[in-house]
C-alpha cells in the first residue's frame, strides 16, 4: 500500500523504476485523462447540437402555443362576425328601400290619424346620406290629448320599419297638447345610388 510520502519520493524521470502500485496508479490517471479529453473533444459538437435542439424545441413550443391561442381566437372572431352579420341583416330588413319610402310616410301619417290627432305639420325634409344609408327627417306638429299623443309615439316605435322621434317639444293648448317633433326614418341605398356615390367620390381624372 503506497502512502502519500511514497508518491512524493517518486522520480518522474525514471518511471520505469517505480514500484508496480505507482505504475498502475499513473496508468489509470493517464487513461482517465485521455478518456476525459477525448470525450470533451468528440462530444463538444454533440453537446452544442443538443443545446440548439433544446432551444429550438422551446421556440417551437412557444410558437405552437401562440398559434393555438390565435386559432381559438379566430373561431371566436368568426362566430362574432357571423352573429354581427345576422344582426346587420335583421336590421337591414327594417330599413325600407327607395320605392317603399312613400308607403312608410303614409304609415306614419295614418298612425297619427288613427289616434285622433290633428296634423298641423307633416313635412318630409331632404335626405342626408350616411354611408350606405340615407336619413330622412320629417317635421311633425300634431295636436291632441296626452293619452293619444303617448299612444301615437308607441305606434311609431312599433312600426315594422325603423322610425325615431327626436327633438320632441310638448306644450299645452286650449285644454289639449301640441307636440312638435322631428321623425327620422332611414333607408338603404340601392345599387345605382351606391355606384353613383362611389363615382362621385373618385378623384378627378381617376380611371373608371
N, C-alpha and C. Protein backbone atom coordinates (compact mmCIF):
# COMPACT_ATOMS: atom_id res chain seq x y z
N UNK A 1 0.85 -1.19 0.00
CA UNK A 1 0.00 0.00 0.00
C UNK A 1 0.88 1.24 0.00
N UNK A 2 0.75 2.05 -1.04
CA UNK A 2 1.59 3.24 -1.15
C UNK A 2 0.96 4.37 -0.36
N UNK A 3 1.84 5.15 0.26
CA UNK A 3 1.39 6.32 1.01
C UNK A 3 1.68 7.57 0.20
N UNK A 4 1.19 8.70 0.71
CA UNK A 4 1.42 9.97 0.04
C UNK A 4 2.90 10.32 -0.01
N UNK A 5 3.64 9.95 1.04
CA UNK A 5 5.09 10.21 1.06
C UNK A 5 5.79 9.40 -0.01
N UNK A 6 5.31 8.16 -0.22
CA UNK A 6 5.93 7.32 -1.26
C UNK A 6 5.75 7.95 -2.63
N UNK A 7 4.56 8.53 -2.88
CA UNK A 7 4.30 9.16 -4.18
C UNK A 7 5.17 10.40 -4.37
N UNK A 8 5.38 11.14 -3.29
CA UNK A 8 6.21 12.33 -3.38
C UNK A 8 7.66 12.00 -3.68
N UNK A 9 8.12 10.82 -3.24
CA UNK A 9 9.52 10.44 -3.42
C UNK A 9 9.78 9.82 -4.77
N UNK A 10 8.74 9.65 -5.60
CA UNK A 10 8.95 9.05 -6.92
C UNK A 10 9.68 10.03 -7.83
N UNK A 11 10.60 9.51 -8.62
CA UNK A 11 11.36 10.32 -9.58
C UNK A 11 10.64 10.30 -10.91
N UNK A 12 10.07 11.44 -11.38
CA UNK A 12 9.31 11.44 -12.64
C UNK A 12 10.19 11.15 -13.86
N UNK A 13 11.53 11.26 -13.71
CA UNK A 13 12.42 11.00 -14.85
C UNK A 13 12.69 9.51 -15.04
N UNK A 14 12.39 8.72 -14.04
CA UNK A 14 12.65 7.27 -14.15
C UNK A 14 11.39 6.49 -13.80
N UNK A 15 10.35 6.66 -14.60
CA UNK A 15 9.11 5.94 -14.27
C UNK A 15 9.27 4.43 -14.33
N UNK A 16 10.26 3.97 -15.10
CA UNK A 16 10.44 2.53 -15.18
C UNK A 16 10.87 1.93 -13.86
N UNK A 17 11.48 2.73 -13.00
CA UNK A 17 11.96 2.22 -11.70
C UNK A 17 10.89 2.32 -10.62
N UNK A 18 9.71 2.83 -10.95
CA UNK A 18 8.67 2.96 -9.94
C UNK A 18 8.15 1.59 -9.53
N UNK A 19 7.68 1.46 -8.34
CA UNK A 19 7.06 0.20 -7.93
C UNK A 19 5.74 0.01 -8.69
N UNK A 20 5.34 -1.24 -8.78
CA UNK A 20 4.14 -1.55 -9.57
C UNK A 20 2.89 -0.80 -9.11
N UNK A 21 2.63 -0.63 -7.87
CA UNK A 21 1.43 0.14 -7.48
C UNK A 21 1.45 1.56 -8.03
N UNK A 22 2.68 2.18 -8.04
CA UNK A 22 2.77 3.54 -8.56
C UNK A 22 2.54 3.56 -10.06
N UNK A 23 3.08 2.52 -10.74
CA UNK A 23 2.89 2.44 -12.20
C UNK A 23 1.39 2.28 -12.55
N UNK A 24 0.73 1.45 -11.76
CA UNK A 24 -0.70 1.20 -12.03
C UNK A 24 -1.50 2.49 -11.81
N UNK A 25 -1.20 3.20 -10.74
CA UNK A 25 -1.92 4.46 -10.47
C UNK A 25 -1.66 5.48 -11.56
N UNK A 26 -0.39 5.57 -12.02
CA UNK A 26 -0.04 6.52 -13.09
C UNK A 26 -0.77 6.17 -14.38
N UNK A 27 -0.85 4.83 -14.66
CA UNK A 27 -1.54 4.40 -15.88
C UNK A 27 -3.03 4.74 -15.83
N UNK A 28 -3.64 4.49 -14.67
CA UNK A 28 -5.07 4.78 -14.53
C UNK A 28 -5.34 6.28 -14.66
N UNK A 29 -4.45 7.09 -14.06
CA UNK A 29 -4.65 8.54 -14.16
C UNK A 29 -4.50 9.02 -15.60
N UNK A 30 -3.47 8.48 -16.29
CA UNK A 30 -3.25 8.85 -17.69
C UNK A 30 -4.41 8.41 -18.56
N UNK A 31 -4.92 7.21 -18.30
CA UNK A 31 -6.04 6.68 -19.08
C UNK A 31 -7.30 7.54 -18.88
N UNK A 32 -7.54 7.88 -17.61
CA UNK A 32 -8.72 8.71 -17.32
C UNK A 32 -8.60 10.08 -17.98
N UNK A 33 -7.39 10.65 -17.97
CA UNK A 33 -7.20 11.95 -18.60
C UNK A 33 -7.44 11.90 -20.10
N UNK A 34 -6.97 10.80 -20.74
CA UNK A 34 -7.16 10.65 -22.18
C UNK A 34 -8.65 10.49 -22.51
N UNK A 35 -9.32 9.70 -21.67
CA UNK A 35 -10.76 9.48 -21.90
C UNK A 35 -11.55 10.78 -21.77
N UNK A 36 -11.24 11.54 -20.70
CA UNK A 36 -11.95 12.79 -20.47
C UNK A 36 -11.68 13.79 -21.58
N UNK A 37 -10.40 13.92 -22.00
CA UNK A 37 -10.05 14.84 -23.07
C UNK A 37 -10.69 14.43 -24.39
N UNK A 38 -10.65 13.14 -24.66
CA UNK A 38 -11.27 12.66 -25.91
C UNK A 38 -12.77 12.87 -25.93
N UNK A 39 -13.39 12.60 -24.77
CA UNK A 39 -14.84 12.78 -24.70
C UNK A 39 -15.21 14.25 -24.89
N UNK A 40 -14.42 15.11 -24.24
CA UNK A 40 -14.70 16.54 -24.36
C UNK A 40 -14.53 17.00 -25.81
N UNK A 41 -13.50 16.49 -26.48
CA UNK A 41 -13.25 16.89 -27.88
C UNK A 41 -14.29 16.33 -28.83
N UNK A 42 -14.62 15.05 -28.63
CA UNK A 42 -15.55 14.38 -29.55
C UNK A 42 -16.99 14.82 -29.32
N UNK A 43 -17.35 14.96 -28.04
CA UNK A 43 -18.75 15.24 -27.72
C UNK A 43 -19.09 16.73 -27.72
N UNK A 44 -18.12 17.58 -27.91
CA UNK A 44 -18.39 19.02 -27.86
C UNK A 44 -19.42 19.44 -28.90
N UNK A 45 -19.23 18.96 -30.13
CA UNK A 45 -20.19 19.29 -31.19
C UNK A 45 -21.57 18.75 -30.90
N UNK A 46 -21.60 17.53 -30.30
CA UNK A 46 -22.90 16.94 -29.98
C UNK A 46 -23.61 17.71 -28.87
N UNK A 47 -22.81 18.18 -27.88
CA UNK A 47 -23.41 18.99 -26.82
C UNK A 47 -24.00 20.28 -27.39
N UNK A 48 -23.26 20.89 -28.33
CA UNK A 48 -23.76 22.11 -28.95
C UNK A 48 -25.02 21.84 -29.75
N UNK A 49 -25.02 20.72 -30.48
CA UNK A 49 -26.22 20.34 -31.25
C UNK A 49 -27.41 20.10 -30.33
N UNK A 50 -27.14 19.40 -29.21
CA UNK A 50 -28.21 19.13 -28.25
C UNK A 50 -28.75 20.42 -27.66
N UNK A 51 -27.85 21.36 -27.36
CA UNK A 51 -28.27 22.64 -26.80
C UNK A 51 -29.13 23.41 -27.80
N UNK A 52 -28.71 23.41 -29.08
CA UNK A 52 -29.51 24.09 -30.10
C UNK A 52 -30.87 23.42 -30.27
N UNK A 53 -30.89 22.09 -30.20
CA UNK A 53 -32.15 21.36 -30.35
C UNK A 53 -33.12 21.71 -29.22
N UNK A 54 -32.57 21.84 -27.99
CA UNK A 54 -33.43 22.20 -26.86
C UNK A 54 -33.99 23.61 -27.05
N UNK A 55 -33.14 24.53 -27.54
CA UNK A 55 -33.61 25.90 -27.78
C UNK A 55 -34.70 25.91 -28.85
N UNK A 56 -34.48 25.13 -29.92
CA UNK A 56 -35.47 25.07 -31.00
C UNK A 56 -36.77 24.45 -30.49
N UNK A 57 -36.65 23.44 -29.62
CA UNK A 57 -37.84 22.81 -29.06
C UNK A 57 -38.65 23.83 -28.25
N UNK A 58 -37.94 24.64 -27.46
CA UNK A 58 -38.62 25.66 -26.66
C UNK A 58 -39.32 26.68 -27.55
N UNK A 59 -38.61 27.11 -28.63
CA UNK A 59 -39.20 28.08 -29.55
C UNK A 59 -40.42 27.51 -30.26
N UNK A 60 -40.33 26.23 -30.65
CA UNK A 60 -41.46 25.59 -31.33
C UNK A 60 -42.67 25.46 -30.39
N UNK A 61 -42.39 25.13 -29.12
CA UNK A 61 -43.49 25.04 -28.16
C UNK A 61 -44.15 26.40 -27.98
N UNK A 62 -43.33 27.45 -27.87
CA UNK A 62 -43.89 28.80 -27.72
C UNK A 62 -44.71 29.19 -28.95
N UNK A 63 -44.17 28.88 -30.15
CA UNK A 63 -44.88 29.20 -31.39
C UNK A 63 -46.19 28.43 -31.47
N UNK A 64 -46.16 27.17 -31.03
CA UNK A 64 -47.37 26.34 -31.05
C UNK A 64 -48.45 26.93 -30.15
N UNK A 65 -48.03 27.36 -28.94
CA UNK A 65 -49.00 27.94 -28.01
C UNK A 65 -49.60 29.22 -28.57
N UNK A 66 -48.75 30.03 -29.25
CA UNK A 66 -49.25 31.27 -29.86
C UNK A 66 -50.26 30.94 -30.96
N UNK A 67 -49.91 29.97 -31.82
CA UNK A 67 -50.81 29.59 -32.92
C UNK A 67 -52.11 29.00 -32.38
N UNK A 68 -51.98 28.21 -31.31
CA UNK A 68 -53.17 27.62 -30.72
C UNK A 68 -54.10 28.69 -30.19
N UNK A 69 -53.51 29.70 -29.52
CA UNK A 69 -54.31 30.81 -28.99
C UNK A 69 -54.96 31.58 -30.12
N UNK A 70 -54.20 31.81 -31.21
CA UNK A 70 -54.76 32.52 -32.36
C UNK A 70 -55.91 31.73 -32.98
N UNK A 71 -55.75 30.41 -33.04
CA UNK A 71 -56.81 29.57 -33.63
C UNK A 71 -58.08 29.65 -32.79
N UNK A 72 -57.91 29.63 -31.45
CA UNK A 72 -59.08 29.74 -30.58
C UNK A 72 -59.76 31.10 -30.77
N UNK A 73 -58.93 32.15 -30.81
CA UNK A 73 -59.48 33.50 -31.01
C UNK A 73 -60.13 33.64 -32.37
N UNK A 74 -59.55 32.96 -33.39
CA UNK A 74 -60.11 33.04 -34.74
C UNK A 74 -61.50 32.44 -34.78
N UNK A 75 -61.69 31.30 -34.10
CA UNK A 75 -63.02 30.70 -34.05
C UNK A 75 -64.01 31.64 -33.38
N UNK A 76 -63.55 32.29 -32.30
CA UNK A 76 -64.42 33.23 -31.59
C UNK A 76 -64.76 34.43 -32.48
N UNK A 77 -63.74 34.93 -33.20
CA UNK A 77 -63.96 36.08 -34.09
C UNK A 77 -64.92 35.71 -35.21
N UNK A 78 -64.75 34.51 -35.77
CA UNK A 78 -65.66 34.06 -36.83
C UNK A 78 -67.10 33.97 -36.32
N UNK A 79 -67.25 33.47 -35.09
CA UNK A 79 -68.59 33.36 -34.51
C UNK A 79 -69.19 34.74 -34.31
N UNK A 80 -68.37 35.67 -33.77
CA UNK A 80 -68.86 37.03 -33.56
C UNK A 80 -69.19 37.71 -34.88
N UNK A 81 -68.37 37.45 -35.91
CA UNK A 81 -68.64 38.03 -37.23
C UNK A 81 -69.95 37.51 -37.79
N UNK A 82 -70.17 36.21 -37.63
CA UNK A 82 -71.43 35.63 -38.11
C UNK A 82 -72.62 36.25 -37.39
N UNK A 83 -72.50 36.39 -36.07
CA UNK A 83 -73.59 36.99 -35.29
C UNK A 83 -73.82 38.44 -35.71
N UNK A 84 -72.72 39.16 -35.97
CA UNK A 84 -72.84 40.56 -36.39
C UNK A 84 -73.52 40.66 -37.75
N UNK A 85 -73.13 39.76 -38.66
CA UNK A 85 -73.74 39.77 -39.99
C UNK A 85 -75.23 39.44 -39.90
N UNK A 86 -75.59 38.50 -39.02
CA UNK A 86 -77.00 38.16 -38.86
C UNK A 86 -77.78 39.34 -38.28
N UNK A 87 -77.16 40.01 -37.27
CA UNK A 87 -77.82 41.18 -36.67
C UNK A 87 -77.95 42.30 -37.69
N UNK A 88 -76.90 42.49 -38.49
CA UNK A 88 -76.94 43.53 -39.51
C UNK A 88 -78.00 43.21 -40.56
N UNK A 89 -78.10 41.92 -40.92
CA UNK A 89 -79.12 41.52 -41.89
C UNK A 89 -80.52 41.78 -41.36
N UNK A 90 -80.73 41.47 -40.06
CA UNK A 90 -82.04 41.72 -39.46
C UNK A 90 -82.34 43.21 -39.41
N UNK A 91 -81.32 44.01 -39.11
CA UNK A 91 -81.51 45.46 -39.08
C UNK A 91 -81.79 46.01 -40.47
N UNK A 92 -81.08 45.45 -41.45
CA UNK A 92 -81.26 45.90 -42.84
C UNK A 92 -82.68 45.67 -43.32
N UNK A 93 -83.28 44.58 -42.85
CA UNK A 93 -84.65 44.27 -43.26
C UNK A 93 -85.64 45.29 -42.71
N UNK A 94 -85.23 46.02 -41.66
CA UNK A 94 -86.11 47.03 -41.09
C UNK A 94 -85.98 48.38 -41.79
N UNK A 95 -85.07 48.46 -42.74
CA UNK A 95 -84.90 49.70 -43.50
C UNK A 95 -85.63 49.58 -44.83
N UNK A 96 -86.43 50.55 -45.16
CA UNK A 96 -87.16 50.48 -46.43
C UNK A 96 -86.24 50.79 -47.61
N UNK A 97 -86.64 50.36 -48.75
CA UNK A 97 -85.94 50.75 -49.97
C UNK A 97 -86.53 52.08 -50.45
N UNK A 98 -85.95 52.60 -51.51
CA UNK A 98 -86.41 53.89 -52.03
C UNK A 98 -87.87 53.83 -52.44
N UNK A 99 -88.28 52.70 -53.03
CA UNK A 99 -89.66 52.57 -53.50
C UNK A 99 -90.66 52.42 -52.36
N UNK A 100 -90.17 52.06 -51.17
CA UNK A 100 -91.07 51.85 -50.04
C UNK A 100 -91.21 53.09 -49.16
N UNK A 101 -90.46 54.14 -49.42
CA UNK A 101 -90.47 55.31 -48.56
C UNK A 101 -91.84 55.99 -48.54
N UNK A 102 -92.50 56.10 -49.68
CA UNK A 102 -93.81 56.75 -49.71
C UNK A 102 -94.81 56.01 -48.83
N UNK A 103 -94.76 54.68 -48.87
CA UNK A 103 -95.67 53.88 -48.05
C UNK A 103 -95.36 54.08 -46.57
N UNK A 104 -94.07 54.21 -46.22
CA UNK A 104 -93.71 54.42 -44.82
C UNK A 104 -94.20 55.78 -44.33
N UNK A 105 -94.06 56.80 -45.15
CA UNK A 105 -94.54 58.12 -44.77
C UNK A 105 -96.06 58.09 -44.55
N UNK A 106 -96.75 57.33 -45.38
CA UNK A 106 -98.20 57.18 -45.21
C UNK A 106 -98.52 56.47 -43.90
N UNK A 107 -97.70 55.45 -43.54
CA UNK A 107 -97.93 54.71 -42.30
C UNK A 107 -97.77 55.65 -41.09
N UNK A 108 -96.78 56.53 -41.14
CA UNK A 108 -96.58 57.47 -40.04
C UNK A 108 -97.77 58.41 -39.91
N UNK A 109 -98.23 58.89 -41.05
CA UNK A 109 -99.38 59.79 -41.06
C UNK A 109 -100.63 59.09 -40.54
N UNK A 110 -100.83 57.85 -40.99
CA UNK A 110 -102.01 57.11 -40.57
C UNK A 110 -101.97 56.75 -39.09
N UNK A 111 -100.74 56.56 -38.54
CA UNK A 111 -100.62 56.26 -37.12
C UNK A 111 -101.15 57.43 -36.28
N UNK A 112 -100.89 58.65 -36.73
CA UNK A 112 -101.39 59.83 -36.01
C UNK A 112 -102.89 59.99 -36.18
N UNK A 113 -103.37 59.85 -37.40
CA UNK A 113 -104.80 60.00 -37.64
C UNK A 113 -105.59 58.92 -36.93
N UNK A 114 -105.01 57.71 -36.84
CA UNK A 114 -105.70 56.61 -36.17
C UNK A 114 -105.87 56.85 -34.68
N UNK A 115 -105.04 57.71 -34.11
CA UNK A 115 -105.16 58.05 -32.69
C UNK A 115 -105.97 59.33 -32.48
N UNK A 116 -106.57 59.83 -33.55
CA UNK A 116 -107.40 61.02 -33.42
C UNK A 116 -106.61 62.31 -33.31
N UNK A 117 -105.36 62.30 -33.72
CA UNK A 117 -104.55 63.51 -33.66
C UNK A 117 -104.78 64.37 -34.89
N UNK A 118 -104.63 65.65 -34.72
CA UNK A 118 -104.77 66.60 -35.82
C UNK A 118 -103.37 67.04 -36.25
N UNK A 119 -103.02 66.77 -37.51
CA UNK A 119 -101.72 67.17 -38.02
C UNK A 119 -101.75 68.64 -38.42
N UNK A 120 -100.94 69.43 -37.79
CA UNK A 120 -100.75 70.81 -38.18
C UNK A 120 -99.58 70.94 -39.16
N UNK A 121 -98.66 69.94 -39.11
CA UNK A 121 -97.49 69.97 -39.99
C UNK A 121 -97.00 68.54 -40.19
N UNK A 122 -96.77 68.20 -41.42
CA UNK A 122 -96.15 66.91 -41.77
C UNK A 122 -95.30 67.16 -43.01
N UNK A 123 -94.02 67.48 -42.80
CA UNK A 123 -93.19 67.94 -43.89
C UNK A 123 -91.88 67.13 -43.97
N UNK A 124 -91.79 66.20 -44.93
CA UNK A 124 -90.54 65.47 -45.12
C UNK A 124 -89.43 66.42 -45.59
N UNK A 125 -88.24 66.27 -45.01
CA UNK A 125 -87.10 67.09 -45.40
C UNK A 125 -86.20 66.37 -46.39
N UNK A 126 -85.12 67.03 -46.75
CA UNK A 126 -84.18 66.45 -47.70
C UNK A 126 -83.44 65.27 -47.07
N UNK A 127 -83.20 64.26 -47.86
CA UNK A 127 -82.45 63.10 -47.38
C UNK A 127 -80.98 63.47 -47.17
N UNK A 128 -80.39 62.81 -46.18
CA UNK A 128 -78.97 63.00 -45.89
C UNK A 128 -78.29 61.65 -45.94
N UNK A 129 -77.30 61.53 -46.83
CA UNK A 129 -76.60 60.26 -47.00
C UNK A 129 -75.64 60.03 -45.84
N UNK A 130 -75.75 58.85 -45.23
CA UNK A 130 -74.85 58.45 -44.14
C UNK A 130 -74.26 57.09 -44.49
N UNK A 131 -73.13 57.11 -45.23
CA UNK A 131 -72.51 55.85 -45.64
C UNK A 131 -73.36 55.14 -46.65
N UNK A 132 -73.80 53.90 -46.31
CA UNK A 132 -74.63 53.11 -47.22
C UNK A 132 -76.11 53.35 -46.98
N UNK A 133 -76.45 54.33 -46.13
CA UNK A 133 -77.85 54.60 -45.81
C UNK A 133 -78.16 56.09 -46.00
N UNK A 134 -79.44 56.38 -45.99
CA UNK A 134 -79.86 57.78 -46.01
C UNK A 134 -80.77 58.02 -44.80
N UNK A 135 -80.73 59.23 -44.33
CA UNK A 135 -81.58 59.64 -43.19
C UNK A 135 -82.59 60.64 -43.70
N UNK A 136 -83.88 60.37 -43.45
CA UNK A 136 -84.95 61.25 -43.91
C UNK A 136 -85.63 61.89 -42.70
N UNK A 137 -85.45 63.19 -42.49
CA UNK A 137 -86.15 63.87 -41.39
C UNK A 137 -87.56 64.29 -41.83
N UNK A 138 -88.47 64.25 -40.89
CA UNK A 138 -89.85 64.66 -41.17
C UNK A 138 -90.30 65.57 -40.03
N UNK A 139 -90.58 66.82 -40.34
CA UNK A 139 -91.06 67.77 -39.33
C UNK A 139 -92.54 67.48 -39.06
N UNK A 140 -92.88 67.25 -37.80
CA UNK A 140 -94.23 66.88 -37.40
C UNK A 140 -94.74 67.84 -36.32
N UNK A 141 -96.01 68.23 -36.48
CA UNK A 141 -96.68 69.01 -35.43
C UNK A 141 -98.11 68.50 -35.34
N UNK A 142 -98.45 67.94 -34.18
CA UNK A 142 -99.79 67.36 -34.00
C UNK A 142 -100.41 67.92 -32.72
N UNK A 143 -101.73 67.93 -32.71
CA UNK A 143 -102.46 68.35 -31.51
C UNK A 143 -103.38 67.22 -31.07
N UNK A 144 -103.56 67.09 -29.78
CA UNK A 144 -104.41 66.02 -29.24
C UNK A 144 -104.26 65.98 -27.73
N UNK A 145 -104.84 64.95 -27.12
CA UNK A 145 -104.72 64.84 -25.67
C UNK A 145 -103.48 64.01 -25.31
N UNK A 146 -103.21 63.95 -24.02
CA UNK A 146 -101.98 63.31 -23.53
C UNK A 146 -101.93 61.84 -23.93
N UNK A 147 -103.04 61.12 -23.70
CA UNK A 147 -103.05 59.68 -23.98
C UNK A 147 -102.84 59.41 -25.46
N UNK A 148 -103.50 60.15 -26.33
CA UNK A 148 -103.39 59.90 -27.76
C UNK A 148 -101.99 60.19 -28.29
N UNK A 149 -101.38 61.25 -27.78
CA UNK A 149 -100.00 61.55 -28.21
C UNK A 149 -99.04 60.46 -27.73
N UNK A 150 -99.25 59.98 -26.51
CA UNK A 150 -98.41 58.90 -25.99
C UNK A 150 -98.57 57.62 -26.79
N UNK A 151 -99.83 57.29 -27.15
CA UNK A 151 -100.08 56.08 -27.94
C UNK A 151 -99.52 56.23 -29.35
N UNK A 152 -99.58 57.44 -29.89
CA UNK A 152 -99.01 57.69 -31.23
C UNK A 152 -97.49 57.43 -31.21
N UNK A 153 -96.83 57.90 -30.16
CA UNK A 153 -95.38 57.66 -30.04
C UNK A 153 -95.09 56.17 -29.96
N UNK A 154 -95.96 55.43 -29.22
CA UNK A 154 -95.78 53.99 -29.13
C UNK A 154 -96.00 53.31 -30.47
N UNK A 155 -97.02 53.79 -31.23
CA UNK A 155 -97.28 53.22 -32.56
C UNK A 155 -96.09 53.43 -33.50
N UNK A 156 -95.47 54.60 -33.40
CA UNK A 156 -94.30 54.88 -34.24
C UNK A 156 -93.19 53.88 -33.94
N UNK A 157 -92.97 53.61 -32.64
CA UNK A 157 -91.92 52.68 -32.24
C UNK A 157 -92.22 51.25 -32.70
N UNK A 158 -93.50 50.92 -32.89
CA UNK A 158 -93.89 49.57 -33.26
C UNK A 158 -93.97 49.35 -34.77
N UNK A 159 -93.72 50.37 -35.55
CA UNK A 159 -93.76 50.20 -37.00
C UNK A 159 -92.71 49.18 -37.43
N UNK A 160 -93.00 48.40 -38.48
CA UNK A 160 -92.03 47.38 -38.92
C UNK A 160 -90.73 48.00 -39.45
N UNK A 161 -90.79 49.26 -39.85
CA UNK A 161 -89.59 49.96 -40.30
C UNK A 161 -89.09 50.87 -39.19
N UNK A 162 -87.79 51.16 -39.20
CA UNK A 162 -87.19 51.98 -38.14
C UNK A 162 -87.58 53.44 -38.31
N UNK A 163 -88.24 53.97 -37.29
CA UNK A 163 -88.59 55.40 -37.25
C UNK A 163 -88.33 55.88 -35.82
N UNK A 164 -87.65 56.99 -35.68
CA UNK A 164 -87.38 57.54 -34.35
C UNK A 164 -87.97 58.94 -34.25
N UNK A 165 -88.37 59.31 -33.04
CA UNK A 165 -88.86 60.66 -32.78
C UNK A 165 -87.78 61.43 -32.04
N UNK A 166 -87.44 62.60 -32.56
CA UNK A 166 -86.35 63.39 -31.99
C UNK A 166 -86.81 64.83 -31.77
N UNK A 167 -86.06 65.54 -30.92
CA UNK A 167 -86.32 66.96 -30.67
C UNK A 167 -87.79 67.19 -30.30
N UNK A 168 -88.30 66.37 -29.40
CA UNK A 168 -89.72 66.45 -29.03
C UNK A 168 -89.97 67.64 -28.10
N UNK A 169 -91.01 68.37 -28.42
CA UNK A 169 -91.42 69.51 -27.59
C UNK A 169 -92.93 69.45 -27.44
N UNK A 170 -93.44 69.42 -26.20
CA UNK A 170 -94.88 69.34 -25.96
C UNK A 170 -95.32 70.56 -25.14
N UNK A 171 -96.33 71.24 -25.65
CA UNK A 171 -96.85 72.43 -24.97
C UNK A 171 -98.37 72.35 -24.88
N UNK A 172 -98.96 72.90 -23.82
CA UNK A 172 -100.42 72.88 -23.68
C UNK A 172 -101.07 73.91 -24.61
N UNK A 173 -102.28 73.58 -25.10
CA UNK A 173 -103.01 74.50 -25.98
C UNK A 173 -104.49 74.17 -25.91
N UNK A 174 -105.30 75.13 -25.40
CA UNK A 174 -106.77 75.01 -25.39
C UNK A 174 -107.23 73.69 -24.78
N UNK A 175 -106.68 73.32 -23.66
CA UNK A 175 -107.11 72.10 -22.98
C UNK A 175 -106.48 70.84 -23.54
N UNK A 176 -105.69 70.95 -24.59
CA UNK A 176 -105.01 69.80 -25.16
C UNK A 176 -103.51 70.02 -25.16
N UNK A 177 -102.85 69.28 -26.00
CA UNK A 177 -101.39 69.39 -26.09
C UNK A 177 -100.98 69.52 -27.55
N UNK A 178 -99.87 70.20 -27.75
CA UNK A 178 -99.27 70.30 -29.08
C UNK A 178 -97.88 69.66 -29.01
N UNK A 179 -97.61 68.72 -29.90
CA UNK A 179 -96.29 68.09 -29.94
C UNK A 179 -95.59 68.47 -31.23
N UNK A 180 -94.43 69.08 -31.07
CA UNK A 180 -93.53 69.32 -32.20
C UNK A 180 -92.39 68.31 -32.10
N UNK A 181 -92.08 67.68 -33.21
CA UNK A 181 -91.01 66.69 -33.19
C UNK A 181 -90.45 66.52 -34.60
N UNK A 182 -89.31 65.88 -34.64
CA UNK A 182 -88.72 65.50 -35.93
C UNK A 182 -88.64 63.99 -35.96
N UNK A 183 -89.44 63.41 -36.84
CA UNK A 183 -89.36 61.96 -37.03
C UNK A 183 -88.25 61.69 -38.03
N UNK A 184 -87.47 60.67 -37.74
CA UNK A 184 -86.39 60.30 -38.65
C UNK A 184 -86.55 58.84 -39.05
N UNK A 185 -86.51 58.61 -40.34
CA UNK A 185 -86.52 57.25 -40.83
C UNK A 185 -85.31 57.07 -41.74
N UNK A 186 -84.99 55.85 -42.00
CA UNK A 186 -83.77 55.53 -42.73
C UNK A 186 -84.07 54.51 -43.82
N UNK A 187 -83.28 54.58 -44.86
CA UNK A 187 -83.39 53.57 -45.92
C UNK A 187 -82.00 53.28 -46.45
N UNK A 188 -81.86 52.09 -47.05
CA UNK A 188 -80.56 51.75 -47.62
C UNK A 188 -80.50 52.22 -49.07
N UNK A 189 -79.30 52.53 -49.53
CA UNK A 189 -79.11 52.96 -50.90
C UNK A 189 -79.23 51.76 -51.84
N UNK A 190 -79.88 51.98 -52.98
CA UNK A 190 -79.94 50.89 -53.96
C UNK A 190 -78.61 50.83 -54.72
N UNK A 191 -78.48 49.82 -55.59
CA UNK A 191 -77.21 49.59 -56.30
C UNK A 191 -76.81 50.80 -57.14
N UNK A 192 -77.77 51.42 -57.80
CA UNK A 192 -77.45 52.57 -58.65
C UNK A 192 -76.95 53.74 -57.81
N UNK A 193 -77.58 53.94 -56.65
CA UNK A 193 -77.16 55.05 -55.77
C UNK A 193 -75.76 54.80 -55.20
N UNK A 194 -75.49 53.54 -54.86
CA UNK A 194 -74.16 53.21 -54.35
C UNK A 194 -73.10 53.44 -55.42
N UNK A 195 -73.42 53.03 -56.67
CA UNK A 195 -72.47 53.24 -57.77
C UNK A 195 -72.24 54.72 -58.02
N UNK A 196 -73.30 55.50 -57.96
CA UNK A 196 -73.18 56.94 -58.18
C UNK A 196 -72.37 57.60 -57.06
N UNK A 197 -72.56 57.12 -55.83
CA UNK A 197 -71.81 57.67 -54.70
C UNK A 197 -70.32 57.37 -54.85
N UNK A 198 -70.00 56.14 -55.27
CA UNK A 198 -68.59 55.77 -55.47
C UNK A 198 -67.97 56.60 -56.60
N UNK A 199 -68.75 56.80 -57.66
CA UNK A 199 -68.25 57.57 -58.79
C UNK A 199 -67.98 59.01 -58.37
N UNK A 200 -68.87 59.56 -57.55
CA UNK A 200 -68.70 60.95 -57.12
C UNK A 200 -67.50 61.08 -56.18
N UNK A 201 -67.18 59.99 -55.48
CA UNK A 201 -66.06 60.04 -54.53
C UNK A 201 -64.72 59.88 -55.21
N UNK A 202 -64.70 59.44 -56.48
CA UNK A 202 -63.43 59.28 -57.18
C UNK A 202 -62.80 60.64 -57.47
N UNK A 203 -61.48 60.72 -57.30
CA UNK A 203 -60.80 61.99 -57.63
C UNK A 203 -60.85 62.26 -59.12
N UNK A 204 -60.79 63.50 -59.48
CA UNK A 204 -60.86 63.90 -60.89
C UNK A 204 -59.72 63.24 -61.66
N UNK A 205 -60.06 62.67 -62.83
CA UNK A 205 -59.05 62.04 -63.68
C UNK A 205 -58.77 60.59 -63.33
N UNK A 206 -59.42 60.07 -62.28
CA UNK A 206 -59.19 58.66 -61.90
C UNK A 206 -59.84 57.75 -62.93
N UNK A 207 -59.22 56.58 -63.11
CA UNK A 207 -59.75 55.62 -64.08
C UNK A 207 -61.03 55.02 -63.54
N UNK A 208 -61.98 54.81 -64.42
CA UNK A 208 -63.26 54.22 -64.03
C UNK A 208 -63.21 52.72 -64.18
